[in-house]
Amino acid sequence: MCDRFVIAPQAAVEREFPLLHAWWRFEPSFNVSTRNNVPVVRLHDGESEGVMMRWGLVPDWAEGDERKACTTHASADELDRNKAFSGAWWRSQRCILPLSGFYGWQLTPQQYLQPYFARLVNRSVFGVAAIWDRTVNKDEDDVIDGCAVVTVPPNDLLADVHNTAQRMPAILHRDEYEPWLRGSTARARSLLRTYPQDRMVAHAVSPRINSLKYNDEQLIKPVLFG
């Protein structure tokens, strides 16, 4: 799936996504979780911009109440009909989440959940398809911009690594960034496909990733198990 992920330093992200308007400010993070603020690229008045959003989409109709609906993932098969995020989809509120990699958990024969770190070959930053929405809590006058990662069926590598979920993020090729942000709904949907496994690698990592109190580069280092 993509329950935790890694964000590169801001300078590396801006090399991958050169932007006229970079409103974001962020540090590298090796253990990003639900409700953390994350950098995203989106369109505003026809121009791409970098902003910070919360990872966790609350639809506009929820009026800021997460109990009504909040999602971190949006299945590509349900974008046009799931009430939690279909409004954002039909309004073309698409964005890109820049990642360095993400984690998955493999259920071993010993019934142990072994974490893995997955990334692209020879790419320190890559873009994942996402959608965003804005909701307003009228009682508190609180505006929340939140996003959800779009997911697709996994390739064989990730189906084995994250064998409890059978989904993976919709990773975009570089030449698909602009079509995802600016293209028609039909064009955007055509980009949501499984990323080739031969362009990815994954390795086992320490179970320290299971605790949010850890956030350091050691989390992505390979470990031996078995």
Protein backbone atom coordinates (compact mmCIF):
# COMPACT_ATOMS: atom_id res chain seq x y z
CA MET A 1 0.00 0.00 0.00
CA CYS A 2 1.93 3.02 1.29
CA ASP A 3 1.26 3.47 5.00
CA ARG A 4 4.59 5.17 5.71
CA PHE A 5 6.96 6.90 3.34
CA VAL A 6 10.13 8.97 3.02
CA ILE A 7 10.47 12.60 1.93
CA ALA A 8 13.76 13.86 0.50
CA PRO A 9 15.39 17.21 1.37
CA GLN A 10 13.61 20.19 -0.14
CA ALA A 11 16.48 20.99 -2.52
CA ALA A 12 16.31 17.47 -4.03
CA VAL A 13 12.54 17.69 -4.45
CA GLU A 14 12.82 21.06 -6.20
CA ARG A 15 15.37 19.63 -8.64
CA GLU A 16 12.78 17.01 -9.62
CA PHE A 17 9.95 19.56 -9.63
CA PRO A 18 11.20 23.01 -10.70
CA LEU A 19 8.42 25.39 -9.64
CA LEU A 20 7.71 29.07 -10.15
CA HIS A 21 5.85 29.19 -6.84
CA ALA A 22 7.35 27.13 -4.01
CA TRP A 23 5.38 28.02 -0.90
CA TRP A 24 6.43 24.92 0.96
CA ARG A 25 9.05 24.58 3.69
CA PHE A 26 10.02 21.11 4.88
CA GLU A 27 12.82 18.94 6.17
CA PRO A 28 13.65 15.37 5.09
CA SER A 29 11.61 12.76 6.93
CA PHE A 30 12.10 9.00 7.08
CA ASN A 31 8.87 8.06 8.84
CA VAL A 32 5.95 10.04 7.42
CA SER A 33 2.60 8.89 8.74
CA THR A 34 -1.08 9.75 8.58
CA ARG A 35 -1.96 13.37 9.39
CA ASN A 36 1.60 14.57 8.94
CA ASN A 37 2.04 17.67 6.78
CA VAL A 38 3.61 16.73 3.46
CA PRO A 39 4.80 18.62 0.36
CA VAL A 40 2.64 18.35 -2.75
CA VAL A 41 2.65 19.84 -6.23
CA ARG A 42 -0.68 21.10 -7.54
CA LEU A 43 -2.14 23.64 -9.97
CA HIS A 44 -3.35 27.08 -8.91
CA ASP A 45 -4.63 29.57 -11.47
CA GLY A 46 -3.08 27.42 -14.18
CA GLU A 47 0.41 27.35 -12.66
CA SER A 48 2.07 24.57 -10.69
CA GLU A 49 2.94 25.35 -7.09
CA GLY A 50 4.52 23.57 -4.16
CA VAL A 51 2.48 23.67 -0.95
CA MET A 52 2.18 21.78 2.32
CA MET A 53 -0.91 19.64 2.95
CA ARG A 54 -2.01 17.17 5.54
CA TRP A 55 -1.78 13.53 4.52
CA GLY A 56 -5.41 12.60 5.03
CA LEU A 57 -8.16 13.87 2.73
CA VAL A 58 -11.32 15.12 4.41
CA PRO A 59 -13.93 15.88 1.70
CA ASP A 60 -15.46 19.33 1.44
CA TRP A 61 -18.92 18.06 2.46
CA ALA A 62 -17.58 16.76 5.79
CA GLU A 63 -17.19 20.37 7.02
CA GLY A 64 -13.92 19.63 8.78
CA ASP A 65 -15.24 16.62 10.68
CA GLU A 66 -12.88 13.67 10.21
CA ARG A 67 -15.44 11.35 11.79
CA LYS A 68 -17.60 11.75 8.68
CA ALA A 69 -14.79 10.82 6.26
CA CYS A 70 -11.00 10.86 6.14
CA THR A 71 -8.80 8.81 3.82
CA THR A 72 -5.08 8.55 3.12
CA HIS A 73 -5.51 6.28 0.07
CA ALA A 74 -7.83 6.43 -2.92
CA SER A 75 -8.20 3.32 -5.06
CA ALA A 76 -7.94 4.11 -8.77
CA ASP A 77 -10.93 1.84 -9.37
CA GLU A 78 -13.15 3.94 -7.08
CA LEU A 79 -12.12 7.50 -7.91
CA ASP A 80 -15.35 8.30 -9.72
CA ARG A 81 -17.76 6.73 -7.23
CA ASN A 82 -16.40 6.66 -3.68
CA LYS A 83 -18.07 9.51 -1.84
CA ALA A 84 -14.96 10.22 0.23
CA PHE A 85 -12.95 11.43 -2.77
CA SER A 86 -15.10 11.37 -5.94
CA GLY A 87 -15.86 15.09 -5.60
CA ALA A 88 -12.17 15.94 -5.67
CA TRP A 89 -11.68 13.64 -8.65
CA TRP A 90 -14.46 15.17 -10.74
CA ARG A 91 -13.24 18.69 -9.88
CA SER A 92 -9.79 17.67 -11.20
CA GLN A 93 -8.16 18.40 -7.84
CA ARG A 94 -5.17 16.28 -8.68
CA CYS A 95 -1.71 16.71 -7.17
CA ILE A 96 1.65 14.94 -6.97
CA LEU A 97 3.35 13.74 -3.82
CA PRO A 98 7.17 13.70 -4.12
CA LEU A 99 8.65 10.64 -2.41
CA SER A 100 12.05 9.04 -2.00
CA GLY A 101 10.49 5.68 -1.20
CA PHE A 102 7.86 3.96 0.91
CA TYR A 103 7.46 1.04 3.29
CA GLY A 104 5.51 -2.20 3.07
CA TRP A 105 5.03 -5.07 5.50
CA GLN A 106 5.44 -8.71 4.50
CA LEU A 107 3.63 -11.37 6.50
CA THR A 108 6.22 -14.13 6.91
CA PRO A 109 5.49 -17.88 7.32
CA GLN A 110 6.21 -17.33 11.02
CA GLN A 111 3.33 -14.81 11.09
CA TYR A 112 5.71 -11.91 11.64
CA LEU A 113 5.27 -8.60 9.81
CA GLN A 114 8.67 -7.81 8.33
CA PRO A 115 8.98 -4.20 7.09
CA TYR A 116 10.55 -3.43 3.71
CA PHE A 117 11.65 -0.21 2.07
CA ALA A 118 10.85 0.19 -1.63
CA ARG A 119 12.26 2.78 -4.02
CA LEU A 120 12.98 3.41 -7.69
CA VAL A 121 16.27 2.43 -9.32
CA ASN A 122 18.64 5.40 -9.67
CA ARG A 123 15.97 7.93 -8.65
CA SER A 124 16.25 9.82 -5.35
CA VAL A 125 12.87 11.53 -5.82
CA PHE A 126 9.81 10.46 -7.80
CA GLY A 127 6.19 11.59 -8.06
CA VAL A 128 3.13 9.67 -6.91
CA ALA A 129 -0.37 10.48 -8.16
CA ALA A 130 -2.63 11.95 -5.48
CA ILE A 131 -5.82 13.95 -5.11
CA TRP A 132 -6.65 16.73 -2.68
CA ASP A 133 -9.63 18.47 -1.18
CA ARG A 134 -10.37 21.42 1.07
CA THR A 135 -12.79 21.32 3.95
CA VAL A 136 -13.84 24.07 6.35
CA ASN A 137 -14.95 23.64 9.95
CA LYS A 138 -17.47 26.47 10.17
CA ASP A 139 -17.63 26.39 13.97
CA GLU A 140 -13.87 26.85 14.35
CA ASP A 141 -13.26 28.61 11.01
CA ASP A 142 -10.52 26.06 10.37
CA VAL A 143 -9.47 25.31 6.77
CA ILE A 144 -7.91 21.91 6.07
CA ASP A 145 -6.22 21.04 2.78
CA GLY A 146 -5.63 17.28 2.72
CA CYS A 147 -4.45 14.75 0.17
CA ALA A 148 -4.74 11.03 -0.50
CA VAL A 149 -2.38 8.77 -2.43
CA VAL A 150 -3.94 7.05 -5.44
CA THR A 151 -3.31 3.29 -5.42
CA VAL A 152 -3.24 0.64 -8.17
CA PRO A 153 -2.65 -3.14 -8.28
CA PRO A 154 0.95 -4.04 -7.32
CA ASN A 155 3.68 -5.38 -9.55
CA ASP A 156 5.12 -8.80 -8.66
CA LEU A 157 7.87 -7.31 -6.51
CA LEU A 158 5.49 -5.36 -4.29
CA ALA A 159 2.87 -8.11 -4.28
CA ASP A 160 5.49 -10.27 -2.60
CA VAL A 161 6.88 -7.55 -0.33
CA HIS A 162 3.55 -6.15 0.86
CA ASN A 163 1.54 -9.35 0.67
CA THR A 164 -1.11 -8.18 3.14
CA ALA A 165 -2.33 -5.23 1.07
CA GLN A 166 -2.03 -6.04 -2.67
CA ARG A 167 -1.97 -2.36 -3.63
CA MET A 168 0.81 0.07 -4.48
CA PRO A 169 1.05 3.83 -5.07
CA ALA A 170 0.36 5.04 -8.60
CA ILE A 171 3.92 6.09 -9.49
CA LEU A 172 4.18 8.57 -12.36
CA HIS A 173 6.90 8.74 -15.00
CA ARG A 174 8.52 12.18 -15.36
CA ASP A 175 6.78 12.89 -18.64
CA GLU A 176 3.44 12.18 -16.92
CA TYR A 177 3.65 14.89 -14.29
CA GLU A 178 2.12 17.60 -16.46
CA PRO A 179 -0.61 15.38 -17.98
CA TRP A 180 -1.62 14.27 -14.48
CA LEU A 181 -1.95 17.85 -13.29
CA ARG A 182 -3.37 19.45 -16.43
CA GLY A 183 -4.91 16.70 -18.54
CA SER A 184 -8.54 15.75 -18.91
CA THR A 185 -10.11 13.30 -16.52
CA ALA A 186 -9.81 10.57 -19.14
CA ARG A 187 -6.15 11.36 -19.77
CA ALA A 188 -5.38 11.40 -16.07
CA ARG A 189 -7.08 8.06 -15.55
CA SER A 190 -4.97 6.49 -18.32
CA LEU A 191 -1.84 7.26 -16.28
CA LEU A 192 -2.95 5.18 -13.31
CA ARG A 193 -1.20 1.92 -13.97
CA THR A 194 1.20 -0.44 -12.24
CA TYR A 195 4.81 0.72 -12.28
CA PRO A 196 7.33 -1.75 -13.84
CA GLN A 197 8.99 -3.93 -11.23
CA ASP A 198 12.33 -3.93 -13.05
CA ARG A 199 12.63 -0.22 -12.25
CA MET A 200 12.17 -0.79 -8.52
CA VAL A 201 14.11 -2.38 -5.67
CA ALA A 202 13.11 -3.31 -2.13
CA HIS A 203 14.96 -4.54 0.95
CA ALA A 204 14.13 -5.53 4.51
CA VAL A 205 14.53 -2.84 7.18
CA SER A 206 14.47 -2.65 10.96
CA PRO A 207 11.16 -2.92 12.84
CA ARG A 208 12.06 0.45 14.36
CA ILE A 209 9.93 1.86 11.53
CA ASN A 210 6.88 0.61 13.41
CA SER A 211 7.32 3.33 16.03
CA LEU A 212 6.70 6.97 15.17
CA LYS A 213 9.21 8.08 17.77
CA TYR A 214 11.98 7.12 15.31
CA ASN A 215 12.75 9.31 12.32
CA ASP A 216 16.30 8.90 11.09
CA GLU A 217 18.23 7.63 8.09
CA GLN A 218 18.91 4.27 9.76
CA LEU A 219 15.26 3.37 9.12
CA ILE A 220 15.93 2.78 5.42
CA LYS A 221 19.17 0.82 5.87
CA PRO A 222 19.04 -2.88 4.82
CA VAL A 223 18.92 -5.54 7.54
CA LEU A 224 19.19 -9.32 7.43
CA PHE A 225 16.47 -11.52 8.84
CA GLY A 226 15.50 -15.15 8.77
